[in-house]
Amino acid sequence: MIEANHLRTTRESYGRLAETYAEFARPLFEQEHLDRAAIAAFAGFVRAGGDGTVADVGCGPGHVTAHLHALGLTAFGVDLSPEMIDLARRTHPHLRFDVGSMTELDLADGALGGVLARYSIIHTPPERVPEAFAEFHRVLAPGGLLLLSFQAHDEPSAPPEPFDHQVALAYRWSPDHVVSLLRETGMVEVARLILAGREDTKRRFPQAHLLLRKSAEAQP
């Protein structure tokens, strides 16, 4: 099978910068109090739903996977970059990390109580994003939770907008557009948190955190 160009570019770009990215991302995450609050709420919903396993999709160096573990969840990480996974395994040897793609997760249908996709859809071409959303829906159990984070823009009717991410080409989305795509898969919005962008920080664009639940399927 021929690998899609965006997968190869993303994997190679993050692979070259794995150590540098980790040095930047870990301390930044410690300062992102509202981001962490969204993750804490997600963890609370997962625990209330029966403590199912959570996949951190696009886990990078594994610091957020470790945070999920510290919040009491059974969590593992998946990332496209083997270098990122090697770094995550060295840093957090007590946790599971797998090389994989968000559009082809090596998981059974309904295997997860939660999926965290934190800034991991942004390098996917917009026309391929519905494939990832369908895969998230497939691996979630009925009632399972998805927390999706991404750079946003304020125009509900506007298409995804490319921007210079410095690592690889990325896209920012209207939260309403993203919710409409997820609704088509059978996801229901629970809550959203939009953080204002600030030009004097690394977060110059608005940041969206969407919490969605997979609809309960009819019992036979």
N, C-alpha and C. Protein backbone atom coordinates (compact mmCIF):
# COMPACT_ATOMS: atom_id res chain seq x y z
N MET A 1 0.85 -1.19 0.00
CA MET A 1 0.00 0.00 0.00
C MET A 1 0.88 1.24 0.00
N ILE A 2 0.55 2.22 -0.85
CA ILE A 2 1.32 3.45 -0.93
C ILE A 2 0.92 4.36 0.23
N GLU A 3 1.90 4.84 0.97
CA GLU A 3 1.63 5.70 2.12
C GLU A 3 1.26 7.11 1.65
N ALA A 4 0.24 7.71 2.28
CA ALA A 4 -0.16 9.06 1.95
C ALA A 4 0.96 10.04 2.29
N ASN A 5 1.11 11.06 1.46
CA ASN A 5 2.19 12.02 1.64
C ASN A 5 2.14 12.71 3.00
N HIS A 6 0.93 13.05 3.47
CA HIS A 6 0.86 13.78 4.73
C HIS A 6 1.32 12.91 5.90
N LEU A 7 1.11 11.60 5.82
CA LEU A 7 1.58 10.71 6.88
C LEU A 7 3.10 10.65 6.91
N ARG A 8 3.71 10.50 5.75
CA ARG A 8 5.16 10.44 5.68
C ARG A 8 5.79 11.76 6.15
N THR A 9 5.24 12.87 5.68
CA THR A 9 5.80 14.18 6.05
C THR A 9 5.67 14.42 7.54
N THR A 10 4.51 14.13 8.10
CA THR A 10 4.30 14.35 9.53
C THR A 10 5.21 13.45 10.36
N ARG A 11 5.29 12.17 10.00
CA ARG A 11 6.13 11.24 10.75
C ARG A 11 7.60 11.68 10.72
N GLU A 12 8.09 12.02 9.54
CA GLU A 12 9.50 12.39 9.42
C GLU A 12 9.80 13.72 10.10
N SER A 13 8.88 14.68 10.02
CA SER A 13 9.11 15.99 10.63
C SER A 13 9.18 15.88 12.14
N TYR A 14 8.24 15.15 12.74
CA TYR A 14 8.26 15.01 14.19
C TYR A 14 9.39 14.09 14.64
N GLY A 15 9.74 13.12 13.82
CA GLY A 15 10.85 12.25 14.17
C GLY A 15 12.16 13.00 14.30
N ARG A 16 12.41 13.93 13.38
CA ARG A 16 13.64 14.73 13.43
C ARG A 16 13.69 15.62 14.66
N LEU A 17 12.51 16.03 15.15
CA LEU A 17 12.45 17.02 16.24
C LEU A 17 11.98 16.42 17.56
N ALA A 18 12.02 15.11 17.70
CA ALA A 18 11.41 14.47 18.88
C ALA A 18 11.95 15.03 20.19
N GLU A 19 13.25 15.06 20.37
CA GLU A 19 13.83 15.54 21.63
C GLU A 19 13.53 17.02 21.85
N THR A 20 13.68 17.82 20.80
CA THR A 20 13.42 19.26 20.90
C THR A 20 11.96 19.53 21.22
N TYR A 21 11.08 18.80 20.54
CA TYR A 21 9.66 18.97 20.77
C TYR A 21 9.30 18.63 22.23
N ALA A 22 9.86 17.56 22.74
CA ALA A 22 9.57 17.16 24.12
C ALA A 22 10.01 18.23 25.10
N GLU A 23 11.18 18.82 24.87
CA GLU A 23 11.68 19.86 25.77
C GLU A 23 10.78 21.08 25.77
N PHE A 24 10.11 21.33 24.64
CA PHE A 24 9.18 22.47 24.54
C PHE A 24 7.80 22.11 25.09
N ALA A 25 7.30 20.93 24.73
CA ALA A 25 5.90 20.60 25.00
C ALA A 25 5.63 20.28 26.47
N ARG A 26 6.55 19.59 27.11
CA ARG A 26 6.30 19.19 28.50
C ARG A 26 6.11 20.38 29.43
N PRO A 27 7.04 21.35 29.48
CA PRO A 27 6.82 22.49 30.38
C PRO A 27 5.63 23.36 29.97
N LEU A 28 5.36 23.46 28.66
CA LEU A 28 4.21 24.24 28.22
C LEU A 28 2.93 23.63 28.74
N PHE A 29 2.83 22.31 28.71
CA PHE A 29 1.63 21.63 29.20
C PHE A 29 1.41 21.92 30.68
N GLU A 30 2.48 22.01 31.45
CA GLU A 30 2.35 22.30 32.88
C GLU A 30 1.74 23.68 33.12
N GLN A 31 1.91 24.59 32.17
CA GLN A 31 1.40 25.96 32.32
C GLN A 31 -0.01 26.13 31.77
N GLU A 32 -0.52 25.14 31.08
CA GLU A 32 -1.82 25.26 30.39
C GLU A 32 -2.94 24.78 31.32
N HIS A 33 -3.30 25.63 32.25
CA HIS A 33 -4.21 25.22 33.31
C HIS A 33 -5.61 24.91 32.78
N LEU A 34 -6.09 25.67 31.81
CA LEU A 34 -7.42 25.40 31.27
C LEU A 34 -7.42 24.15 30.40
N ASP A 35 -6.34 23.92 29.65
CA ASP A 35 -6.22 22.66 28.91
C ASP A 35 -6.29 21.48 29.86
N ARG A 36 -5.57 21.58 30.95
CA ARG A 36 -5.52 20.49 31.92
C ARG A 36 -6.89 20.32 32.60
N ALA A 37 -7.63 21.42 32.77
CA ALA A 37 -8.97 21.32 33.33
C ALA A 37 -9.89 20.56 32.39
N ALA A 38 -9.76 20.79 31.08
CA ALA A 38 -10.57 20.05 30.10
C ALA A 38 -10.25 18.56 30.17
N ILE A 39 -8.97 18.23 30.31
CA ILE A 39 -8.57 16.83 30.41
C ILE A 39 -9.09 16.21 31.70
N ALA A 40 -9.06 16.98 32.79
CA ALA A 40 -9.58 16.47 34.06
C ALA A 40 -11.08 16.18 33.96
N ALA A 41 -11.82 17.06 33.27
CA ALA A 41 -13.25 16.82 33.08
C ALA A 41 -13.48 15.56 32.24
N PHE A 42 -12.71 15.42 31.17
CA PHE A 42 -12.79 14.23 30.33
C PHE A 42 -12.54 12.97 31.16
N ALA A 43 -11.50 13.00 32.00
CA ALA A 43 -11.18 11.84 32.84
C ALA A 43 -12.33 11.53 33.80
N GLY A 44 -12.95 12.57 34.35
CA GLY A 44 -14.08 12.36 35.25
C GLY A 44 -15.25 11.69 34.56
N PHE A 45 -15.55 12.11 33.33
CA PHE A 45 -16.63 11.50 32.57
C PHE A 45 -16.31 10.03 32.25
N VAL A 46 -15.05 9.76 31.89
CA VAL A 46 -14.67 8.38 31.58
C VAL A 46 -14.83 7.50 32.81
N ARG A 47 -14.35 7.99 33.94
CA ARG A 47 -14.47 7.20 35.18
C ARG A 47 -15.94 6.96 35.52
N ALA A 48 -16.78 7.98 35.35
CA ALA A 48 -18.20 7.84 35.65
C ALA A 48 -18.88 6.84 34.73
N GLY A 49 -18.32 6.67 33.52
CA GLY A 49 -18.90 5.74 32.58
C GLY A 49 -18.41 4.31 32.72
N GLY A 50 -17.55 4.06 33.68
CA GLY A 50 -17.09 2.69 33.92
C GLY A 50 -15.60 2.47 33.77
N ASP A 51 -14.83 3.57 33.67
CA ASP A 51 -13.36 3.45 33.69
C ASP A 51 -12.78 2.65 32.52
N GLY A 52 -13.32 2.81 31.34
CA GLY A 52 -12.76 2.11 30.19
C GLY A 52 -11.38 2.62 29.83
N THR A 53 -10.65 1.82 29.07
CA THR A 53 -9.31 2.20 28.62
C THR A 53 -9.39 3.41 27.70
N VAL A 54 -8.36 4.29 27.81
CA VAL A 54 -8.29 5.51 27.02
C VAL A 54 -7.07 5.47 26.12
N ALA A 55 -7.24 5.84 24.85
CA ALA A 55 -6.12 5.98 23.92
C ALA A 55 -5.80 7.46 23.75
N ASP A 56 -4.53 7.81 23.95
CA ASP A 56 -4.03 9.16 23.68
C ASP A 56 -3.46 9.12 22.27
N VAL A 57 -4.24 9.59 21.30
CA VAL A 57 -3.91 9.44 19.89
C VAL A 57 -3.11 10.66 19.43
N GLY A 58 -1.89 10.40 18.96
CA GLY A 58 -0.96 11.49 18.68
C GLY A 58 -0.27 11.91 19.95
N CYS A 59 0.21 10.92 20.69
CA CYS A 59 0.71 11.14 22.06
C CYS A 59 2.05 11.84 22.13
N GLY A 60 2.80 11.89 21.01
CA GLY A 60 4.12 12.53 21.07
C GLY A 60 5.01 11.88 22.10
N PRO A 61 5.69 12.68 22.93
CA PRO A 61 6.63 12.11 23.91
C PRO A 61 5.97 11.51 25.14
N GLY A 62 4.65 11.48 25.20
CA GLY A 62 3.96 10.70 26.23
C GLY A 62 3.61 11.41 27.51
N HIS A 63 3.86 12.72 27.60
CA HIS A 63 3.61 13.41 28.86
C HIS A 63 2.12 13.51 29.19
N VAL A 64 1.28 13.63 28.15
CA VAL A 64 -0.16 13.71 28.42
C VAL A 64 -0.72 12.32 28.74
N THR A 65 -0.18 11.29 28.11
CA THR A 65 -0.57 9.92 28.48
C THR A 65 -0.27 9.68 29.96
N ALA A 66 0.90 10.12 30.40
CA ALA A 66 1.27 9.97 31.80
C ALA A 66 0.34 10.77 32.70
N HIS A 67 -0.10 11.93 32.23
CA HIS A 67 -1.04 12.74 33.01
C HIS A 67 -2.38 12.01 33.15
N LEU A 68 -2.85 11.39 32.07
CA LEU A 68 -4.09 10.61 32.15
C LEU A 68 -3.95 9.48 33.16
N HIS A 69 -2.79 8.83 33.15
CA HIS A 69 -2.53 7.76 34.13
C HIS A 69 -2.59 8.31 35.55
N ALA A 70 -1.99 9.49 35.76
CA ALA A 70 -2.00 10.10 37.08
C ALA A 70 -3.41 10.48 37.53
N LEU A 71 -4.30 10.70 36.56
CA LEU A 71 -5.70 11.00 36.89
C LEU A 71 -6.52 9.74 37.16
N GLY A 72 -5.87 8.58 37.15
CA GLY A 72 -6.54 7.34 37.51
C GLY A 72 -7.09 6.54 36.35
N LEU A 73 -6.71 6.90 35.13
CA LEU A 73 -7.22 6.18 33.96
C LEU A 73 -6.23 5.12 33.49
N THR A 74 -6.75 4.07 32.90
CA THR A 74 -5.92 3.10 32.19
C THR A 74 -5.70 3.67 30.78
N ALA A 75 -4.51 4.21 30.54
CA ALA A 75 -4.26 4.96 29.31
C ALA A 75 -3.03 4.43 28.59
N PHE A 76 -3.07 4.50 27.27
CA PHE A 76 -1.89 4.18 26.47
C PHE A 76 -1.80 5.19 25.34
N GLY A 77 -0.60 5.31 24.75
CA GLY A 77 -0.37 6.30 23.71
C GLY A 77 -0.14 5.67 22.36
N VAL A 78 -0.56 6.39 21.32
CA VAL A 78 -0.34 5.99 19.92
C VAL A 78 0.23 7.20 19.19
N ASP A 79 1.27 6.98 18.40
CA ASP A 79 1.82 8.08 17.61
C ASP A 79 2.38 7.55 16.30
N LEU A 80 2.36 8.40 15.29
CA LEU A 80 2.84 8.04 13.97
C LEU A 80 4.36 7.91 13.94
N SER A 81 5.05 8.65 14.82
CA SER A 81 6.51 8.73 14.79
C SER A 81 7.17 7.67 15.68
N PRO A 82 7.97 6.76 15.11
CA PRO A 82 8.69 5.80 15.95
C PRO A 82 9.64 6.48 16.92
N GLU A 83 10.23 7.61 16.53
CA GLU A 83 11.14 8.33 17.43
C GLU A 83 10.39 8.87 18.64
N MET A 84 9.19 9.39 18.42
CA MET A 84 8.38 9.86 19.55
C MET A 84 8.01 8.70 20.47
N ILE A 85 7.64 7.58 19.89
CA ILE A 85 7.27 6.42 20.70
C ILE A 85 8.47 5.91 21.49
N ASP A 86 9.65 5.86 20.88
CA ASP A 86 10.85 5.43 21.61
C ASP A 86 11.11 6.36 22.79
N LEU A 87 10.96 7.66 22.57
CA LEU A 87 11.17 8.63 23.65
C LEU A 87 10.13 8.45 24.75
N ALA A 88 8.88 8.26 24.38
CA ALA A 88 7.83 8.06 25.37
C ALA A 88 8.08 6.80 26.20
N ARG A 89 8.51 5.73 25.54
CA ARG A 89 8.78 4.48 26.27
C ARG A 89 9.94 4.64 27.24
N ARG A 90 10.97 5.38 26.83
CA ARG A 90 12.12 5.59 27.73
C ARG A 90 11.73 6.45 28.93
N THR A 91 10.90 7.45 28.68
CA THR A 91 10.54 8.39 29.73
C THR A 91 9.49 7.82 30.68
N HIS A 92 8.59 7.01 30.13
CA HIS A 92 7.49 6.45 30.93
C HIS A 92 7.45 4.94 30.73
N PRO A 93 8.43 4.21 31.24
CA PRO A 93 8.53 2.76 30.95
C PRO A 93 7.39 1.94 31.53
N HIS A 94 6.61 2.49 32.44
CA HIS A 94 5.51 1.76 33.05
C HIS A 94 4.23 1.85 32.22
N LEU A 95 4.26 2.62 31.13
CA LEU A 95 3.08 2.80 30.30
C LEU A 95 3.27 2.19 28.92
N ARG A 96 2.16 1.94 28.26
CA ARG A 96 2.18 1.35 26.91
C ARG A 96 2.15 2.44 25.85
N PHE A 97 3.00 2.30 24.84
CA PHE A 97 3.03 3.21 23.70
C PHE A 97 3.21 2.41 22.43
N ASP A 98 2.39 2.72 21.41
CA ASP A 98 2.41 1.99 20.15
C ASP A 98 2.58 2.95 18.97
N VAL A 99 3.33 2.52 17.97
CA VAL A 99 3.38 3.24 16.70
C VAL A 99 2.10 2.92 15.94
N GLY A 100 1.42 3.96 15.44
CA GLY A 100 0.19 3.72 14.70
C GLY A 100 -0.40 4.99 14.14
N SER A 101 -1.43 4.83 13.33
CA SER A 101 -2.11 5.94 12.67
C SER A 101 -3.52 6.09 13.21
N MET A 102 -3.97 7.32 13.36
CA MET A 102 -5.31 7.56 13.88
C MET A 102 -6.41 7.09 12.93
N THR A 103 -6.09 6.86 11.68
CA THR A 103 -7.09 6.37 10.74
C THR A 103 -7.12 4.85 10.65
N GLU A 104 -6.14 4.17 11.30
CA GLU A 104 -6.09 2.70 11.27
C GLU A 104 -5.60 2.20 12.63
N LEU A 105 -6.37 2.41 13.66
CA LEU A 105 -5.99 1.99 14.99
C LEU A 105 -6.12 0.47 15.12
N ASP A 106 -5.12 -0.14 15.72
CA ASP A 106 -5.09 -1.60 15.87
C ASP A 106 -5.89 -1.98 17.11
N LEU A 107 -7.18 -1.76 17.04
CA LEU A 107 -8.07 -1.98 18.17
C LEU A 107 -9.39 -2.57 17.66
N ALA A 108 -10.00 -3.36 18.51
CA ALA A 108 -11.31 -3.93 18.17
C ALA A 108 -12.39 -2.85 18.24
N ASP A 109 -13.48 -3.09 17.55
CA ASP A 109 -14.63 -2.20 17.63
C ASP A 109 -15.08 -2.08 19.09
N GLY A 110 -15.34 -0.85 19.53
CA GLY A 110 -15.87 -0.63 20.87
C GLY A 110 -14.92 -0.95 22.00
N ALA A 111 -13.61 -0.91 21.73
CA ALA A 111 -12.64 -1.33 22.73
C ALA A 111 -12.35 -0.29 23.81
N LEU A 112 -12.69 0.97 23.56
CA LEU A 112 -12.23 2.05 24.43
C LEU A 112 -13.36 2.78 25.14
N GLY A 113 -13.05 3.24 26.34
CA GLY A 113 -13.96 4.13 27.05
C GLY A 113 -13.72 5.57 26.71
N GLY A 114 -12.55 5.88 26.13
CA GLY A 114 -12.26 7.26 25.79
C GLY A 114 -11.15 7.37 24.76
N VAL A 115 -11.20 8.43 23.98
CA VAL A 115 -10.13 8.79 23.04
C VAL A 115 -9.77 10.25 23.31
N LEU A 116 -8.50 10.51 23.50
CA LEU A 116 -7.98 11.87 23.59
C LEU A 116 -7.19 12.13 22.33
N ALA A 117 -7.58 13.15 21.57
CA ALA A 117 -6.86 13.54 20.36
C ALA A 117 -6.50 15.01 20.50
N ARG A 118 -5.37 15.24 21.14
CA ARG A 118 -4.97 16.60 21.50
C ARG A 118 -4.02 17.17 20.45
N TYR A 119 -4.56 18.05 19.61
CA TYR A 119 -3.80 18.68 18.53
C TYR A 119 -3.20 17.65 17.58
N SER A 120 -3.89 16.54 17.39
CA SER A 120 -3.35 15.48 16.53
C SER A 120 -4.07 15.35 15.20
N ILE A 121 -5.19 16.08 15.00
CA ILE A 121 -5.83 16.06 13.68
C ILE A 121 -5.31 17.16 12.79
N ILE A 122 -4.51 18.08 13.32
CA ILE A 122 -4.24 19.34 12.61
C ILE A 122 -3.39 19.16 11.36
N HIS A 123 -2.60 18.10 11.28
CA HIS A 123 -1.75 17.88 10.11
C HIS A 123 -2.43 17.01 9.05
N THR A 124 -3.65 16.60 9.31
CA THR A 124 -4.39 15.76 8.37
C THR A 124 -5.10 16.65 7.35
N PRO A 125 -4.94 16.39 6.05
CA PRO A 125 -5.68 17.17 5.06
C PRO A 125 -7.18 17.13 5.37
N PRO A 126 -7.87 18.25 5.23
CA PRO A 126 -9.28 18.30 5.63
C PRO A 126 -10.14 17.21 5.03
N GLU A 127 -9.85 16.82 3.78
CA GLU A 127 -10.69 15.79 3.16
C GLU A 127 -10.48 14.41 3.78
N ARG A 128 -9.40 14.23 4.55
CA ARG A 128 -9.13 12.94 5.20
C ARG A 128 -9.56 12.91 6.67
N VAL A 129 -9.89 14.06 7.22
CA VAL A 129 -10.26 14.11 8.64
C VAL A 129 -11.49 13.25 8.95
N PRO A 130 -12.53 13.21 8.09
CA PRO A 130 -13.66 12.33 8.41
C PRO A 130 -13.26 10.87 8.59
N GLU A 131 -12.17 10.42 7.95
CA GLU A 131 -11.71 9.05 8.16
C GLU A 131 -11.25 8.84 9.60
N ALA A 132 -10.54 9.84 10.13
CA ALA A 132 -10.10 9.75 11.52
C ALA A 132 -11.29 9.76 12.48
N PHE A 133 -12.27 10.62 12.19
CA PHE A 133 -13.45 10.70 13.06
C PHE A 133 -14.23 9.38 13.04
N ALA A 134 -14.33 8.77 11.87
CA ALA A 134 -15.02 7.48 11.78
C ALA A 134 -14.27 6.42 12.58
N GLU A 135 -12.94 6.49 12.57
CA GLU A 135 -12.15 5.52 13.33
C GLU A 135 -12.29 5.74 14.83
N PHE A 136 -12.32 7.00 15.27
CA PHE A 136 -12.56 7.27 16.69
C PHE A 136 -13.90 6.68 17.11
N HIS A 137 -14.92 6.90 16.29
CA HIS A 137 -16.24 6.37 16.61
C HIS A 137 -16.21 4.84 16.68
N ARG A 138 -15.51 4.22 15.74
CA ARG A 138 -15.47 2.75 15.69
C ARG A 138 -14.88 2.15 16.95
N VAL A 139 -13.78 2.72 17.46
CA VAL A 139 -13.08 2.10 18.59
C VAL A 139 -13.69 2.46 19.94
N LEU A 140 -14.58 3.44 19.98
CA LEU A 140 -15.23 3.80 21.23
C LEU A 140 -16.40 2.86 21.52
N ALA A 141 -16.54 2.48 22.77
CA ALA A 141 -17.72 1.75 23.21
C ALA A 141 -18.91 2.70 23.21
N PRO A 142 -20.15 2.18 23.10
CA PRO A 142 -21.31 3.04 23.25
C PRO A 142 -21.24 3.83 24.55
N GLY A 143 -21.44 5.13 24.44
CA GLY A 143 -21.31 6.00 25.61
C GLY A 143 -19.89 6.48 25.86
N GLY A 144 -18.91 6.01 25.06
CA GLY A 144 -17.53 6.43 25.23
C GLY A 144 -17.32 7.90 24.88
N LEU A 145 -16.23 8.47 25.41
CA LEU A 145 -15.98 9.91 25.30
C LEU A 145 -14.80 10.21 24.38
N LEU A 146 -14.93 11.30 23.64
CA LEU A 146 -13.85 11.83 22.83
C LEU A 146 -13.55 13.25 23.28
N LEU A 147 -12.28 13.54 23.58
CA LEU A 147 -11.85 14.92 23.81
C LEU A 147 -10.92 15.29 22.66
N LEU A 148 -11.35 16.26 21.88
CA LEU A 148 -10.64 16.67 20.68
C LEU A 148 -10.20 18.11 20.83
N SER A 149 -8.89 18.37 20.64
CA SER A 149 -8.36 19.72 20.78
C SER A 149 -7.65 20.11 19.49
N PHE A 150 -7.77 21.39 19.12
CA PHE A 150 -7.18 21.86 17.87
C PHE A 150 -7.17 23.39 17.84
N GLN A 151 -6.33 23.94 16.98
CA GLN A 151 -6.34 25.37 16.75
C GLN A 151 -7.60 25.72 15.97
N ALA A 152 -8.25 26.82 16.36
CA ALA A 152 -9.57 27.14 15.83
C ALA A 152 -9.58 28.49 15.12
N HIS A 153 -10.67 28.73 14.39
CA HIS A 153 -10.98 30.07 13.90
C HIS A 153 -12.44 30.36 14.18
N ASP A 154 -12.84 31.61 14.00
CA ASP A 154 -14.13 32.07 14.51
C ASP A 154 -15.26 32.07 13.51
N GLU A 155 -15.03 31.62 12.27
CA GLU A 155 -16.05 31.70 11.24
C GLU A 155 -16.72 30.34 11.04
N PRO A 156 -17.95 30.17 11.54
CA PRO A 156 -18.60 28.85 11.46
C PRO A 156 -18.72 28.30 10.05
N SER A 157 -18.92 29.17 9.05
CA SER A 157 -19.13 28.70 7.69
C SER A 157 -17.84 28.61 6.88
N ALA A 158 -16.71 29.03 7.46
CA ALA A 158 -15.45 29.05 6.72
C ALA A 158 -14.81 27.67 6.70
N PRO A 159 -14.11 27.33 5.62
CA PRO A 159 -13.43 26.02 5.56
C PRO A 159 -12.20 26.01 6.46
N PRO A 160 -11.61 24.83 6.66
CA PRO A 160 -10.36 24.76 7.42
C PRO A 160 -9.30 25.68 6.80
N GLU A 161 -8.53 26.32 7.65
CA GLU A 161 -7.57 27.33 7.21
C GLU A 161 -6.15 26.85 7.48
N PRO A 162 -5.30 26.73 6.45
CA PRO A 162 -3.92 26.29 6.68
C PRO A 162 -3.13 27.36 7.41
N PHE A 163 -2.16 26.92 8.22
CA PHE A 163 -1.27 27.86 8.89
C PHE A 163 0.10 27.23 9.06
N ASP A 164 1.09 28.05 9.30
CA ASP A 164 2.46 27.59 9.47
C ASP A 164 2.64 27.11 10.90
N HIS A 165 2.75 25.79 11.06
CA HIS A 165 2.90 25.19 12.38
C HIS A 165 4.36 25.08 12.79
N GLN A 166 5.29 25.36 11.90
CA GLN A 166 6.74 25.26 12.08
C GLN A 166 7.26 23.84 11.99
N VAL A 167 6.46 22.86 12.38
CA VAL A 167 6.88 21.46 12.21
C VAL A 167 6.41 20.93 10.86
N ALA A 168 5.14 21.07 10.56
CA ALA A 168 4.56 20.60 9.30
C ALA A 168 3.29 21.40 9.03
N LEU A 169 2.87 21.42 7.78
CA LEU A 169 1.65 22.13 7.42
C LEU A 169 0.50 21.67 8.30
N ALA A 170 -0.27 22.64 8.78
CA ALA A 170 -1.38 22.32 9.68
C ALA A 170 -2.60 23.14 9.28
N TYR A 171 -3.75 22.75 9.85
CA TYR A 171 -5.02 23.41 9.55
C TYR A 171 -5.73 23.74 10.85
N ARG A 172 -6.37 24.90 10.87
CA ARG A 172 -7.25 25.23 12.00
C ARG A 172 -8.69 25.25 11.50
N TRP A 173 -9.59 24.88 12.39
CA TRP A 173 -10.97 24.56 12.02
C TRP A 173 -11.97 25.41 12.80
N SER A 174 -13.14 25.60 12.21
CA SER A 174 -14.28 26.10 12.95
C SER A 174 -14.79 24.98 13.87
N PRO A 175 -14.95 25.24 15.17
CA PRO A 175 -15.49 24.21 16.06
C PRO A 175 -16.85 23.69 15.59
N ASP A 176 -17.70 24.58 15.07
CA ASP A 176 -19.02 24.14 14.60
C ASP A 176 -18.88 23.15 13.44
N HIS A 177 -17.93 23.40 12.55
CA HIS A 177 -17.70 22.50 11.43
C HIS A 177 -17.25 21.12 11.93
N VAL A 178 -16.33 21.12 12.88
CA VAL A 178 -15.84 19.86 13.43
C VAL A 178 -16.98 19.08 14.10
N VAL A 179 -17.78 19.77 14.88
CA VAL A 179 -18.90 19.10 15.54
C VAL A 179 -19.87 18.51 14.52
N SER A 180 -20.11 19.23 13.42
CA SER A 180 -21.03 18.71 12.42
C SER A 180 -20.50 17.44 11.78
N LEU A 181 -19.17 17.37 11.55
CA LEU A 181 -18.58 16.15 10.99
C LEU A 181 -18.68 14.99 11.98
N LEU A 182 -18.43 15.27 13.24
CA LEU A 182 -18.51 14.21 14.25
C LEU A 182 -19.94 13.75 14.47
N ARG A 183 -20.88 14.67 14.35
CA ARG A 183 -22.29 14.30 14.50
C ARG A 183 -22.70 13.29 13.44
N GLU A 184 -22.11 13.41 12.25
CA GLU A 184 -22.43 12.48 11.17
C GLU A 184 -21.98 11.05 11.49
N THR A 185 -20.98 10.89 12.36
CA THR A 185 -20.52 9.56 12.73
C THR A 185 -21.35 8.95 13.85
N GLY A 186 -22.13 9.78 14.55
CA GLY A 186 -22.90 9.29 15.68
C GLY A 186 -22.40 9.81 17.02
N MET A 187 -21.63 10.91 16.99
CA MET A 187 -21.15 11.53 18.22
C MET A 187 -22.06 12.69 18.61
N VAL A 188 -22.21 12.91 19.90
CA VAL A 188 -23.05 13.97 20.43
C VAL A 188 -22.19 14.92 21.26
N GLU A 189 -22.29 16.21 21.00
CA GLU A 189 -21.49 17.18 21.75
C GLU A 189 -21.98 17.25 23.19
N VAL A 190 -21.01 17.20 24.13
CA VAL A 190 -21.29 17.35 25.55
C VAL A 190 -20.93 18.74 26.02
N ALA A 191 -19.76 19.23 25.60
CA ALA A 191 -19.30 20.54 26.05
C ALA A 191 -18.20 21.02 25.12
N ARG A 192 -17.94 22.33 25.17
CA ARG A 192 -16.81 22.88 24.43
C ARG A 192 -16.17 24.00 25.26
N LEU A 193 -14.86 24.11 25.11
CA LEU A 193 -14.10 25.17 25.76
C LEU A 193 -13.26 25.82 24.67
N ILE A 194 -13.43 27.13 24.49
CA ILE A 194 -12.67 27.88 23.50
C ILE A 194 -11.79 28.88 24.24
N LEU A 195 -10.49 28.76 24.05
CA LEU A 195 -9.53 29.67 24.68
C LEU A 195 -9.10 30.71 23.66
N ALA A 196 -9.11 31.96 24.06
CA ALA A 196 -8.73 33.03 23.15
C ALA A 196 -7.25 32.94 22.81
N GLY A 197 -6.92 33.25 21.56
CA GLY A 197 -5.52 33.31 21.17
C GLY A 197 -4.85 34.58 21.68
N ARG A 198 -3.54 34.50 21.84
CA ARG A 198 -2.77 35.66 22.29
C ARG A 198 -1.49 35.75 21.48
N GLU A 199 -1.27 36.90 20.86
CA GLU A 199 -0.11 37.06 19.99
C GLU A 199 1.20 36.98 20.74
N ASP A 200 1.19 37.26 22.06
CA ASP A 200 2.44 37.27 22.83
C ASP A 200 2.77 35.91 23.42
N THR A 201 2.07 34.86 22.99
CA THR A 201 2.33 33.52 23.51
C THR A 201 2.50 32.55 22.34
N LYS A 202 2.83 31.30 22.67
CA LYS A 202 2.93 30.25 21.66
C LYS A 202 1.56 29.86 21.12
N ARG A 203 0.49 30.28 21.78
CA ARG A 203 -0.88 29.96 21.38
C ARG A 203 -1.50 31.19 20.74
N ARG A 204 -1.08 31.53 19.54
CA ARG A 204 -1.54 32.78 18.92
C ARG A 204 -2.94 32.66 18.34
N PHE A 205 -3.43 31.44 18.12
CA PHE A 205 -4.78 31.23 17.61
C PHE A 205 -5.69 30.75 18.74
N PRO A 206 -7.01 30.94 18.58
CA PRO A 206 -7.92 30.33 19.55
C PRO A 206 -7.71 28.82 19.61
N GLN A 207 -7.92 28.25 20.79
CA GLN A 207 -7.77 26.81 20.99
C GLN A 207 -9.13 26.23 21.36
N ALA A 208 -9.54 25.20 20.64
CA ALA A 208 -10.83 24.57 20.90
C ALA A 208 -10.63 23.22 21.57
N HIS A 209 -11.43 22.96 22.58
CA HIS A 209 -11.48 21.65 23.25
C HIS A 209 -12.94 21.20 23.20
N LEU A 210 -13.20 20.15 22.45
CA LEU A 210 -14.57 19.64 22.27
C LEU A 210 -14.69 18.29 22.97
N LEU A 211 -15.69 18.16 23.80
CA LEU A 211 -15.98 16.90 24.47
C LEU A 211 -17.25 16.32 23.86
N LEU A 212 -17.14 15.11 23.33
CA LEU A 212 -18.27 14.45 22.66
C LEU A 212 -18.43 13.04 23.19
N ARG A 213 -19.64 12.54 23.07
CA ARG A 213 -19.96 11.18 23.53
C ARG A 213 -20.51 10.37 22.36
N LYS A 214 -20.09 9.11 22.26
CA LYS A 214 -20.66 8.22 21.27
C LYS A 214 -22.06 7.83 21.70
N SER A 215 -23.00 7.97 20.80
CA SER A 215 -24.39 7.63 21.12
C SER A 215 -24.49 6.17 21.51
N ALA A 216 -25.31 5.90 22.51
CA ALA A 216 -25.57 4.53 22.91
C ALA A 216 -26.30 3.82 21.78
N GLU A 217 -25.83 2.65 21.41
CA GLU A 217 -26.44 1.90 20.32
C GLU A 217 -27.57 1.03 20.84
N ALA A 218 -28.55 0.83 20.01
CA ALA A 218 -29.69 0.01 20.42
C ALA A 218 -29.26 -1.41 20.74
N GLN A 219 -29.79 -1.94 21.78
CA GLN A 219 -29.47 -3.30 22.19
C GLN A 219 -30.29 -4.29 21.35
N PRO A 220 -29.70 -5.42 20.98
CA PRO A 220 -30.45 -6.42 20.18
C PRO A 220 -31.58 -7.03 21.00
